PDB file of N, CA and C in Angstrom:
ATOM      1  N   MET A   1      -8.156 -18.072   7.474  1.00  0.00           N
ATOM      2  CA  MET A   1      -7.213 -19.135   7.741  1.00  0.00           C
ATOM      3  C   MET A   1      -6.284 -18.741   8.875  1.00  0.00           C
ATOM      4  N   LYS A   2      -6.006 -19.676   9.743  1.00  0.00           N
ATOM      5  CA  LYS A   2      -5.055 -19.429  10.834  1.00  0.00           C
ATOM      6  C   LYS A   2      -3.639 -19.572  10.309  1.00  0.00           C
ATOM      7  N   LYS A   3      -2.724 -18.896  11.008  1.00  0.00           N
ATOM      8  CA  LYS A   3      -1.310 -18.940  10.645  1.00  0.00           C
ATOM      9  C   LYS A   3      -0.492 -19.231  11.896  1.00  0.00           C
ATOM     10  N   SER A   4       0.544 -20.030  11.718  1.00  0.00           N
ATOM     11  CA  SER A   4       1.499 -20.287  12.793  1.00  0.00           C
ATOM     12  C   SER A   4       2.775 -19.545  12.447  1.00  0.00           C
ATOM     13  N   PHE A   5       3.053 -18.489  13.222  1.00  0.00           N
ATOM     14  CA  PHE A   5       4.193 -17.622  12.971  1.00  0.00           C
ATOM     15  C   PHE A   5       5.414 -18.114  13.728  1.00  0.00           C
ATOM     16  N   ILE A   6       6.557 -18.101  13.073  1.00  0.00           N
ATOM     17  CA  ILE A   6       7.811 -18.558  13.665  1.00  0.00           C
ATOM     18  C   ILE A   6       8.773 -17.379  13.768  1.00  0.00           C
ATOM     19  N   LYS A   7       9.338 -17.196  14.949  1.00  0.00           N
ATOM     20  CA  LYS A   7      10.394 -16.210  15.173  1.00  0.00           C
ATOM     21  C   LYS A   7      11.658 -16.995  15.510  1.00  0.00           C
ATOM     22  N   LEU A   8      12.701 -16.818  14.696  1.00  0.00           N
ATOM     23  CA  LEU A   8      13.961 -17.532  14.886  1.00  0.00           C
ATOM     24  C   LEU A   8      14.933 -16.692  15.701  1.00  0.00           C
ATOM     25  N   TYR A   9      15.717 -17.374  16.551  1.00  0.00           N
ATOM     26  CA  TYR A   9      16.717 -16.699  17.379  1.00  0.00           C
ATOM     27  C   TYR A   9      18.066 -17.378  17.196  1.00  0.00           C
ATOM     28  N   GLY A  10      19.048 -16.585  16.860  1.00  0.00           N
ATOM     29  CA  GLY A  10      20.411 -17.084  16.752  1.00  0.00           C
ATOM     30  C   GLY A  10      20.710 -17.719  15.417  1.00  0.00           C
ATOM     31  N   PRO A  11      21.976 -17.770  15.137  1.00  0.00           N
ATOM     32  CA  PRO A  11      22.376 -18.379  13.874  1.00  0.00           C
ATOM     33  C   PRO A  11      22.178 -19.902  13.933  1.00  0.00           C
ATOM     34  N   PRO A  12      22.035 -20.480  12.793  1.00  0.00           N
ATOM     35  CA  PRO A  12      22.069 -19.959  11.424  1.00  0.00           C
ATOM     36  C   PRO A  12      20.657 -19.717  10.892  1.00  0.00           C
ATOM     37  N   ILE A  13      20.245 -18.482  10.819  1.00  0.00           N
ATOM     38  CA  ILE A  13      18.879 -18.113  10.416  1.00  0.00           C
ATOM     39  C   ILE A  13      18.554 -18.593   9.001  1.00  0.00           C
ATOM     40  N   VAL A  14      19.456 -18.358   8.049  1.00  0.00           N
ATOM     41  CA  VAL A  14      19.182 -18.740   6.655  1.00  0.00           C
ATOM     42  C   VAL A  14      19.005 -20.254   6.542  1.00  0.00           C
ATOM     43  N   LYS A  15      19.868 -21.018   7.192  1.00  0.00           N
ATOM     44  CA  LYS A  15      19.727 -22.475   7.167  1.00  0.00           C
ATOM     45  C   LYS A  15      18.427 -22.899   7.831  1.00  0.00           C
ATOM     46  N   ALA A  16      18.069 -22.228   8.915  1.00  0.00           N
ATOM     47  CA  ALA A  16      16.822 -22.557   9.616  1.00  0.00           C
ATOM     48  C   ALA A  16      15.605 -22.288   8.727  1.00  0.00           C
ATOM     49  N   LEU A  17      15.622 -21.194   7.977  1.00  0.00           N
ATOM     50  CA  LEU A  17      14.518 -20.894   7.061  1.00  0.00           C
ATOM     51  C   LEU A  17      14.375 -21.982   6.011  1.00  0.00           C
ATOM     52  N   LYS A  18      15.485 -22.465   5.480  1.00  0.00           N
ATOM     53  CA  LYS A  18      15.451 -23.548   4.490  1.00  0.00           C
ATOM     54  C   LYS A  18      14.874 -24.821   5.096  1.00  0.00           C
ATOM     55  N   VAL A  19      15.262 -25.105   6.342  1.00  0.00           N
ATOM     56  CA  VAL A  19      14.746 -26.280   7.038  1.00  0.00           C
ATOM     57  C   VAL A  19      13.229 -26.164   7.215  1.00  0.00           C
ATOM     58  N   LEU A  20      12.750 -24.988   7.593  1.00  0.00           N
ATOM     59  CA  LEU A  20      11.314 -24.782   7.770  1.00  0.00           C
ATOM     60  C   LEU A  20      10.563 -24.936   6.447  1.00  0.00           C
ATOM     61  N   GLU A  21      11.144 -24.437   5.368  1.00  0.00           N
ATOM     62  CA  GLU A  21      10.539 -24.602   4.043  1.00  0.00           C
ATOM     63  C   GLU A  21      10.450 -26.079   3.682  1.00  0.00           C
ATOM     64  N   ASN A  22      11.541 -26.810   3.876  1.00  0.00           N
ATOM     65  CA  ASN A  22      11.552 -28.234   3.548  1.00  0.00           C
ATOM     66  C   ASN A  22      10.551 -29.008   4.395  1.00  0.00           C
ATOM     67  N   LEU A  23      10.404 -28.625   5.639  1.00  0.00           N
ATOM     68  CA  LEU A  23       9.458 -29.280   6.521  1.00  0.00           C
ATOM     69  C   LEU A  23       8.030 -29.093   5.999  1.00  0.00           C
ATOM     70  N   ALA A  24       7.745 -27.931   5.459  1.00  0.00           N
ATOM     71  CA  ALA A  24       6.402 -27.627   4.960  1.00  0.00           C
ATOM     72  C   ALA A  24       6.036 -28.465   3.741  1.00  0.00           C
ATOM     73  N   VAL A  25       7.016 -28.828   2.948  1.00  0.00           N
ATOM     74  CA  VAL A  25       6.753 -29.611   1.745  1.00  0.00           C
ATOM     75  C   VAL A  25       6.072 -30.934   2.094  1.00  0.00           C
ATOM     76  N   ASP A  26       6.438 -31.521   3.225  1.00  0.00           N
ATOM     77  CA  ASP A  26       5.881 -32.804   3.637  1.00  0.00           C
ATOM     78  C   ASP A  26       4.640 -32.678   4.507  1.00  0.00           C
ATOM     79  N   ASN A  27       4.153 -31.465   4.706  1.00  0.00           N
ATOM     80  CA  ASN A  27       3.009 -31.256   5.578  1.00  0.00           C
ATOM     81  C   ASN A  27       1.785 -30.863   4.744  1.00  0.00           C
ATOM     82  N   PRO A  28       0.840 -31.782   4.541  1.00  0.00           N
ATOM     83  CA  PRO A  28      -0.314 -31.497   3.682  1.00  0.00           C
ATOM     84  C   PRO A  28      -1.355 -30.578   4.314  1.00  0.00           C
ATOM     85  N   GLU A  29      -1.132 -30.143   5.551  1.00  0.00           N
ATOM     86  CA  GLU A  29      -2.139 -29.337   6.242  1.00  0.00           C
ATOM     87  C   GLU A  29      -1.880 -27.840   6.157  1.00  0.00           C
ATOM     88  N   VAL A  30      -0.746 -27.448   5.533  1.00  0.00           N
ATOM     89  CA  VAL A  30      -0.443 -26.031   5.391  1.00  0.00           C
ATOM     90  C   VAL A  30      -0.413 -25.661   3.923  1.00  0.00           C
ATOM     91  N   CYS A  31      -0.442 -24.364   3.663  1.00  0.00           N
ATOM     92  CA  CYS A  31      -0.681 -23.871   2.318  1.00  0.00           C
ATOM     93  C   CYS A  31       0.278 -22.755   1.942  1.00  0.00           C
ATOM     94  N   ILE A  32       0.599 -22.669   0.656  1.00  0.00           N
ATOM     95  CA  ILE A  32       1.339 -21.518   0.130  1.00  0.00           C
ATOM     96  C   ILE A  32       0.410 -20.784  -0.826  1.00  0.00           C
ATOM     97  N   MET A  33       0.429 -19.486  -0.736  1.00  0.00           N
ATOM     98  CA  MET A  33      -0.341 -18.687  -1.690  1.00  0.00           C
ATOM     99  C   MET A  33       0.655 -17.977  -2.584  1.00  0.00           C
ATOM    100  N   HIS A  34       0.508 -18.159  -3.875  1.00  0.00           N
ATOM    101  CA  HIS A  34       1.374 -17.470  -4.815  1.00  0.00           C
ATOM    102  C   HIS A  34       0.617 -17.281  -6.111  1.00  0.00           C
ATOM    103  N   PHE A  35       1.175 -16.499  -6.963  1.00  0.00           N
ATOM    104  CA  PHE A  35       0.522 -16.243  -8.238  1.00  0.00           C
ATOM    105  C   PHE A  35       1.274 -16.927  -9.360  1.00  0.00           C
ATOM    106  N   ILE A  36       0.527 -17.517 -10.291  1.00  0.00           N
ATOM    107  CA  ILE A  36       1.141 -18.122 -11.463  1.00  0.00           C
ATOM    108  C   ILE A  36       0.566 -17.430 -12.696  1.00  0.00           C
ATOM    109  N   VAL A  37       1.356 -17.353 -13.737  1.00  0.00           N
ATOM    110  CA  VAL A  37       0.878 -16.733 -14.974  1.00  0.00           C
ATOM    111  C   VAL A  37      -0.043 -17.719 -15.677  1.00  0.00           C
ATOM    112  N   ALA A  38      -1.192 -17.252 -16.074  1.00  0.00           N
ATOM    113  CA  ALA A  38      -2.164 -18.112 -16.739  1.00  0.00           C
ATOM    114  C   ALA A  38      -2.321 -17.696 -18.188  1.00  0.00           C
ATOM    115  N   ASN A  39      -2.654 -18.635 -19.019  1.00  0.00           N
ATOM    116  CA  ASN A  39      -2.888 -18.352 -20.425  1.00  0.00           C
ATOM    117  C   ASN A  39      -4.319 -17.890 -20.672  1.00  0.00           C
ATOM    118  N   LEU A  40      -5.067 -17.663 -19.623  1.00  0.00           N
ATOM    119  CA  LEU A  40      -6.463 -17.275 -19.767  1.00  0.00           C
ATOM    120  C   LEU A  40      -6.620 -15.873 -20.331  1.00  0.00           C
ATOM    121  N   SER A  41      -5.692 -14.987 -19.992  1.00  0.00           N
ATOM    122  CA  SER A  41      -5.733 -13.625 -20.508  1.00  0.00           C
ATOM    123  C   SER A  41      -4.307 -13.087 -20.540  1.00  0.00           C
ATOM    124  N   PRO A  42      -4.013 -12.161 -21.461  1.00  0.00           N
ATOM    125  CA  PRO A  42      -2.652 -11.630 -21.522  1.00  0.00           C
ATOM    126  C   PRO A  42      -2.256 -10.974 -20.212  1.00  0.00           C
ATOM    127  N   GLY A  43      -1.151 -11.416 -19.653  1.00  0.00           N
ATOM    128  CA  GLY A  43      -0.652 -10.831 -18.415  1.00  0.00           C
ATOM    129  C   GLY A  43      -1.464 -11.185 -17.187  1.00  0.00           C
ATOM    130  N   GLY A  44      -2.449 -12.069 -17.342  1.00  0.00           N
ATOM    131  CA  GLY A  44      -3.311 -12.431 -16.221  1.00  0.00           C
ATOM    132  C   GLY A  44      -2.614 -13.377 -15.267  1.00  0.00           C
ATOM    133  N   ALA A  45      -3.181 -13.517 -14.099  1.00  0.00           N
ATOM    134  CA  ALA A  45      -2.643 -14.443 -13.110  1.00  0.00           C
ATOM    135  C   ALA A  45      -3.792 -15.054 -12.341  1.00  0.00           C
ATOM    136  N   VAL A  46      -3.586 -16.247 -11.871  1.00  0.00           N
ATOM    137  CA  VAL A  46      -4.575 -16.904 -11.024  1.00  0.00           C
ATOM    138  C   VAL A  46      -3.903 -17.268  -9.714  1.00  0.00           C
ATOM    139  N   GLN A  47      -4.704 -17.393  -8.701  1.00  0.00           N
ATOM    140  CA  GLN A  47      -4.159 -17.753  -7.403  1.00  0.00           C
ATOM    141  C   GLN A  47      -4.249 -19.265  -7.254  1.00  0.00           C
ATOM    142  N   GLU A  48      -3.171 -19.851  -6.771  1.00  0.00           N
ATOM    143  CA  GLU A  48      -3.118 -21.302  -6.611  1.00  0.00           C
ATOM    144  C   GLU A  48      -2.628 -21.627  -5.215  1.00  0.00           C
ATOM    145  N   CYS A  49      -3.163 -22.673  -4.660  1.00  0.00           N
ATOM    146  CA  CYS A  49      -2.763 -23.083  -3.315  1.00  0.00           C
ATOM    147  C   CYS A  49      -2.120 -24.451  -3.391  1.00  0.00           C
ATOM    148  N   GLU A  50      -0.919 -24.586  -2.835  1.00  0.00           N
ATOM    149  CA  GLU A  50      -0.200 -25.849  -2.801  1.00  0.00           C
ATOM    150  C   GLU A  50       0.142 -26.181  -1.363  1.00  0.00           C
ATOM    151  N   ALA A  51       0.523 -27.415  -1.109  1.00  0.00           N
ATOM    152  CA  ALA A  51       0.877 -27.839   0.246  1.00  0.00           C
ATOM    153  C   ALA A  51       2.310 -27.443   0.565  1.00  0.00           C
ATOM    154  N   LEU A  52       2.539 -26.177   0.743  1.00  0.00           N
ATOM    155  CA  LEU A  52       3.855 -25.667   1.111  1.00  0.00           C
ATOM    156  C   LEU A  52       3.690 -24.614   2.188  1.00  0.00           C
ATOM    157  N   ILE A  53       4.375 -23.488   2.030  1.00  0.00           N
ATOM    158  CA  ILE A  53       4.314 -22.425   3.019  1.00  0.00           C
ATOM    159  C   ILE A  53       3.799 -21.149   2.389  1.00  0.00           C
ATOM    160  N   SER A  54       3.360 -20.248   3.193  1.00  0.00           N
ATOM    161  CA  SER A  54       2.960 -18.960   2.682  1.00  0.00           C
ATOM    162  C   SER A  54       4.191 -18.072   2.570  1.00  0.00           C
ATOM    163  N   LYS A  55       4.282 -17.302   1.512  1.00  0.00           N
ATOM    164  CA  LYS A  55       5.414 -16.412   1.311  1.00  0.00           C
ATOM    165  C   LYS A  55       4.961 -14.956   1.286  1.00  0.00           C
ATOM    166  N   SER A  56       3.840 -14.674   1.875  1.00  0.00           N
ATOM    167  CA  SER A  56       3.299 -13.332   1.886  1.00  0.00           C
ATOM    168  C   SER A  56       4.093 -12.466   2.852  1.00  0.00           C
ATOM    169  N   LYS A  57       5.005 -11.661   2.329  1.00  0.00           N
ATOM    170  CA  LYS A  57       5.908 -10.848   3.153  1.00  0.00           C
ATOM    171  C   LYS A  57       5.153  -9.860   4.038  1.00  0.00           C
ATOM    172  N   GLU A  58       4.032  -9.321   3.562  1.00  0.00           N
ATOM    173  CA  GLU A  58       3.325  -8.315   4.348  1.00  0.00           C
ATOM    174  C   GLU A  58       2.705  -8.897   5.611  1.00  0.00           C
ATOM    175  N   ASP A  59       2.506 -10.192   5.677  1.00  0.00           N
ATOM    176  CA  ASP A  59       1.940 -10.815   6.865  1.00  0.00           C
ATOM    177  C   ASP A  59       2.991 -11.179   7.909  1.00  0.00           C
ATOM    178  N   LEU A  60       4.255 -11.134   7.553  1.00  0.00           N
ATOM    179  CA  LEU A  60       5.305 -11.573   8.465  1.00  0.00           C
ATOM    180  C   LEU A  60       5.470 -10.671   9.679  1.00  0.00           C
ATOM    181  N   GLY A  61       5.454  -9.374   9.478  1.00  0.00           N
ATOM    182  CA  GLY A  61       5.651  -8.451  10.594  1.00  0.00           C
ATOM    183  C   GLY A  61       6.963  -8.730  11.303  1.00  0.00           C
ATOM    184  N   GLU A  62       6.908  -8.994  12.608  1.00  0.00           N
ATOM    185  CA  GLU A  62       8.106  -9.234  13.408  1.00  0.00           C
ATOM    186  C   GLU A  62       8.608 -10.673  13.303  1.00  0.00           C
ATOM    187  N   TYR A  63       7.886 -11.508  12.575  1.00  0.00           N
ATOM    188  CA  TYR A  63       8.240 -12.923  12.477  1.00  0.00           C
ATOM    189  C   TYR A  63       9.125 -13.180  11.256  1.00  0.00           C
ATOM    190  N   ASP A  64       9.763 -14.356  11.252  1.00  0.00           N
ATOM    191  CA  ASP A  64      10.659 -14.724  10.161  1.00  0.00           C
ATOM    192  C   ASP A  64       9.997 -15.642   9.141  1.00  0.00           C
ATOM    193  N   PHE A  65       8.910 -16.284   9.516  1.00  0.00           N
ATOM    194  CA  PHE A  65       8.349 -17.354   8.695  1.00  0.00           C
ATOM    195  C   PHE A  65       6.953 -17.652   9.204  1.00  0.00           C
ATOM    196  N   PHE A  66       6.056 -18.118   8.341  1.00  0.00           N
ATOM    197  CA  PHE A  66       4.796 -18.634   8.867  1.00  0.00           C
ATOM    198  C   PHE A  66       4.215 -19.720   7.993  1.00  0.00           C
ATOM    199  N   TYR A  67       3.491 -20.612   8.656  1.00  0.00           N
ATOM    200  CA  TYR A  67       2.721 -21.652   8.001  1.00  0.00           C
ATOM    201  C   TYR A  67       1.275 -21.199   7.976  1.00  0.00           C
ATOM    202  N   GLU A  68       0.609 -21.347   6.843  1.00  0.00           N
ATOM    203  CA  GLU A  68      -0.796 -20.992   6.731  1.00  0.00           C
ATOM    204  C   GLU A  68      -1.595 -22.289   6.632  1.00  0.00           C
ATOM    205  N   TRP A  69      -2.547 -22.468   7.529  1.00  0.00           N
ATOM    206  CA  TRP A  69      -3.310 -23.703   7.621  1.00  0.00           C
ATOM    207  C   TRP A  69      -4.504 -23.685   6.675  1.00  0.00           C
ATOM    208  N   TYR A  70      -4.837 -24.833   6.084  1.00  0.00           N
ATOM    209  CA  TYR A  70      -6.038 -24.956   5.252  1.00  0.00           C
ATOM    210  C   TYR A  70      -7.296 -24.779   6.099  1.00  0.00           C
ATOM    211  N   THR A  71      -7.269 -25.376   7.292  1.00  0.00           N
ATOM    212  CA  THR A  71      -8.384 -25.265   8.239  1.00  0.00           C
ATOM    213  C   THR A  71      -7.792 -24.925   9.606  1.00  0.00           C
ATOM    214  N   ASP A  72      -8.628 -24.500  10.524  1.00  0.00           N
ATOM    215  CA  ASP A  72      -8.130 -24.203  11.867  1.00  0.00           C
ATOM    216  C   ASP A  72      -7.478 -25.457  12.448  1.00  0.00           C
ATOM    217  N   PRO A  73      -6.226 -25.343  12.878  1.00  0.00           N
ATOM    218  CA  PRO A  73      -5.524 -26.532  13.374  1.00  0.00           C
ATOM    219  C   PRO A  73      -6.038 -26.971  14.736  1.00  0.00           C
ATOM    220  N   THR A  74      -6.025 -28.271  14.942  1.00  0.00           N
ATOM    221  CA  THR A  74      -6.359 -28.823  16.249  1.00  0.00           C
ATOM    222  C   THR A  74      -5.109 -28.773  17.120  1.00  0.00           C
ATOM    223  N   ARG A  75      -5.294 -29.035  18.393  1.00  0.00           N
ATOM    224  CA  ARG A  75      -4.146 -29.080  19.310  1.00  0.00           C
ATOM    225  C   ARG A  75      -3.153 -30.164  18.873  1.00  0.00           C
ATOM    226  N   VAL A  76      -3.676 -31.300  18.428  1.00  0.00           N
ATOM    227  CA  VAL A  76      -2.821 -32.400  17.971  1.00  0.00           C
ATOM    228  C   VAL A  76      -2.000 -31.976  16.749  1.00  0.00           C
ATOM    229  N   GLN A  77      -2.630 -31.278  15.817  1.00  0.00           N
ATOM    230  CA  GLN A  77      -1.908 -30.798  14.630  1.00  0.00           C
ATOM    231  C   GLN A  77      -0.817 -29.804  15.010  1.00  0.00           C
ATOM    232  N   LEU A  78      -1.126 -28.911  15.947  1.00  0.00           N
ATOM    233  CA  LEU A  78      -0.126 -27.939  16.398  1.00  0.00           C
ATOM    234  C   LEU A  78       1.033 -28.632  17.107  1.00  0.00           C
ATOM    235  N   GLU A  79       0.716 -29.594  17.957  1.00  0.00           N
ATOM    236  CA  GLU A  79       1.776 -30.326  18.652  1.00  0.00           C
ATOM    237  C   GLU A  79       2.648 -31.104  17.669  1.00  0.00           C
ATOM    238  N   LYS A  80       2.034 -31.665  16.635  1.00  0.00           N
ATOM    239  CA  LYS A  80       2.788 -32.387  15.606  1.00  0.00           C
ATOM    240  C   LYS A  80       3.737 -31.431  14.886  1.00  0.00           C
ATOM    241  N   LEU A  81       3.238 -30.255  14.514  1.00  0.00           N
ATOM    242  CA  LEU A  81       4.083 -29.267  13.843  1.00  0.00           C
ATOM    243  C   LEU A  81       5.240 -28.840  14.735  1.00  0.00           C
ATOM    244  N   ILE A  82       4.959 -28.576  16.002  1.00  0.00           N
ATOM    245  CA  ILE A  82       6.011 -28.167  16.937  1.00  0.00           C
ATOM    246  C   ILE A  82       7.062 -29.262  17.080  1.00  0.00           C
ATOM    247  N   SER A  83       6.631 -30.496  17.188  1.00  0.00           N
ATOM    248  CA  SER A  83       7.579 -31.618  17.285  1.00  0.00           C
ATOM    249  C   SER A  83       8.453 -31.713  16.041  1.00  0.00           C
ATOM    250  N   GLN A  84       7.846 -31.518  14.872  1.00  0.00           N
ATOM    251  CA  GLN A  84       8.597 -31.566  13.620  1.00  0.00           C
ATOM    252  C   GLN A  84       9.622 -30.432  13.549  1.00  0.00           C
ATOM    253  N   ILE A  85       9.206 -29.242  13.982  1.00  0.00           N
ATOM    254  CA  ILE A  85      10.129 -28.102  13.979  1.00  0.00           C
ATOM    255  C   ILE A  85      11.257 -28.339  14.974  1.00  0.00           C
ATOM    256  N   ASP A  86      10.918 -28.818  16.173  1.00  0.00           N
ATOM    257  CA  ASP A  86      11.945 -29.121  17.177  1.00  0.00           C
ATOM    258  C   ASP A  86      12.992 -30.073  16.607  1.00  0.00           C
ATOM    259  N   GLU A  87      12.535 -31.141  16.005  1.00  0.00           N
ATOM    260  CA  GLU A  87      13.438 -32.152  15.457  1.00  0.00           C
ATOM    261  C   GLU A  87      14.279 -31.591  14.304  1.00  0.00           C
ATOM    262  N   ALA A  88      13.655 -30.781  13.453  1.00  0.00           N
ATOM    263  CA  ALA A  88      14.355 -30.246  12.284  1.00  0.00           C
ATOM    264  C   ALA A  88      15.399 -29.184  12.661  1.00  0.00           C
ATOM    265  N   LEU A  89      15.099 -28.353  13.663  1.00  0.00           N
ATOM    266  CA  LEU A  89      16.013 -27.273  14.039  1.00  0.00           C
ATOM    267  C   LEU A  89      17.066 -27.681  15.065  1.00  0.00           C
ATOM    268  N   ASN A  90      16.845 -28.779  15.765  1.00  0.00           N
ATOM    269  CA  ASN A  90      17.769 -29.217  16.802  1.00  0.00           C
ATOM    270  C   ASN A  90      19.218 -29.344  16.319  1.00  0.00           C
ATOM    271  N   PRO A  91      19.477 -29.981  15.170  1.00  0.00           N
ATOM    272  CA  PRO A  91      20.870 -30.109  14.722  1.00  0.00           C
ATOM    273  C   PRO A  91      21.543 -28.758  14.432  1.00  0.00           C
ATOM    274  N   LEU A  92      20.743 -27.738  14.138  1.00  0.00           N
ATOM    275  CA  LEU A  92      21.294 -26.415  13.841  1.00  0.00           C
ATOM    276  C   LEU A  92      21.573 -25.611  15.120  1.00  0.00           C
ATOM    277  N   GLY A  93      20.920 -25.964  16.203  1.00  0.00           N
ATOM    278  CA  GLY A  93      21.074 -25.205  17.438  1.00  0.00           C
ATOM    279  C   GLY A  93      20.313 -23.890  17.419  1.00  0.00           C
ATOM    280  N   CYS A  94      19.424 -23.715  16.469  1.00  0.00           N
ATOM    281  CA  CYS A  94      18.645 -22.485  16.334  1.00  0.00           C
ATOM    282  C   CYS A  94      17.382 -22.597  17.188  1.00  0.00           C
ATOM    283  N   LYS A  95      17.102 -21.594  17.986  1.00  0.00           N
ATOM    284  CA  LYS A  95      15.905 -21.560  18.841  1.00  0.00           C
ATOM    285  C   LYS A  95      14.806 -20.785  18.146  1.00  0.00           C
ATOM    286  N   TYR A  96      13.555 -20.992  18.581  1.00  0.00           N
ATOM    287  CA  TYR A  96      12.434 -20.313  17.953  1.00  0.00           C
ATOM    288  C   TYR A  96      11.270 -20.177  18.923  1.00  0.00           C
ATOM    289  N   THR A  97      10.323 -19.334  18.551  1.00  0.00           N
ATOM    290  CA  THR A  97       9.031 -19.286  19.206  1.00  0.00           C
ATOM    291  C   THR A  97       7.987 -19.490  18.120  1.00  0.00           C
ATOM    292  N   ILE A  98       6.829 -19.970  18.511  1.00  0.00           N
ATOM    293  CA  ILE A  98       5.728 -20.170  17.555  1.00  0.00           C
ATOM    294  C   ILE A  98       4.467 -19.572  18.148  1.00  0.00           C
ATOM    295  N   THR A  99       3.735 -18.827  17.344  1.00  0.00           N
ATOM    296  CA  THR A  99       2.479 -18.209  17.742  1.00  0.00           C
ATOM    297  C   THR A  99       1.455 -18.486  16.652  1.00  0.00           C
ATOM    298  N   THR A 100       0.330 -19.069  17.028  1.00  0.00           N
ATOM    299  CA  THR A 100      -0.733 -19.355  16.057  1.00  0.00           C
ATOM    300  C   THR A 100      -1.892 -18.414  16.327  1.00  0.00           C
ATOM    301  N   LYS A 101      -2.297 -17.723  15.276  1.00  0.00           N
ATOM    302  CA  LYS A 101      -3.452 -16.821  15.410  1.00  0.00           C
ATOM    303  C   LYS A 101      -4.197 -16.723  14.093  1.00  0.00           C
TER     304      LYS A 101
END
């Protein structure tokens, strides 16, 4: 799966992260990977994918946030995401870069 990594610059970083999370909730093309406790076995867990964001800290590296795509994004999908991020972060005055790989 491809990921679009976001690097935030300048305050307010925490508010910007919340904005990016909220933006992901309305985007059905990205995914969050997390573990939920299942009743299938004692202490067991299953992996579930929802239309949110990925929270895998080990994949972040130098970035602050990333969206994980269900399928390889098209140019139109990437441009749509960038436009949404631009609009969402503009009121905060927070700048960013985006890298998809």
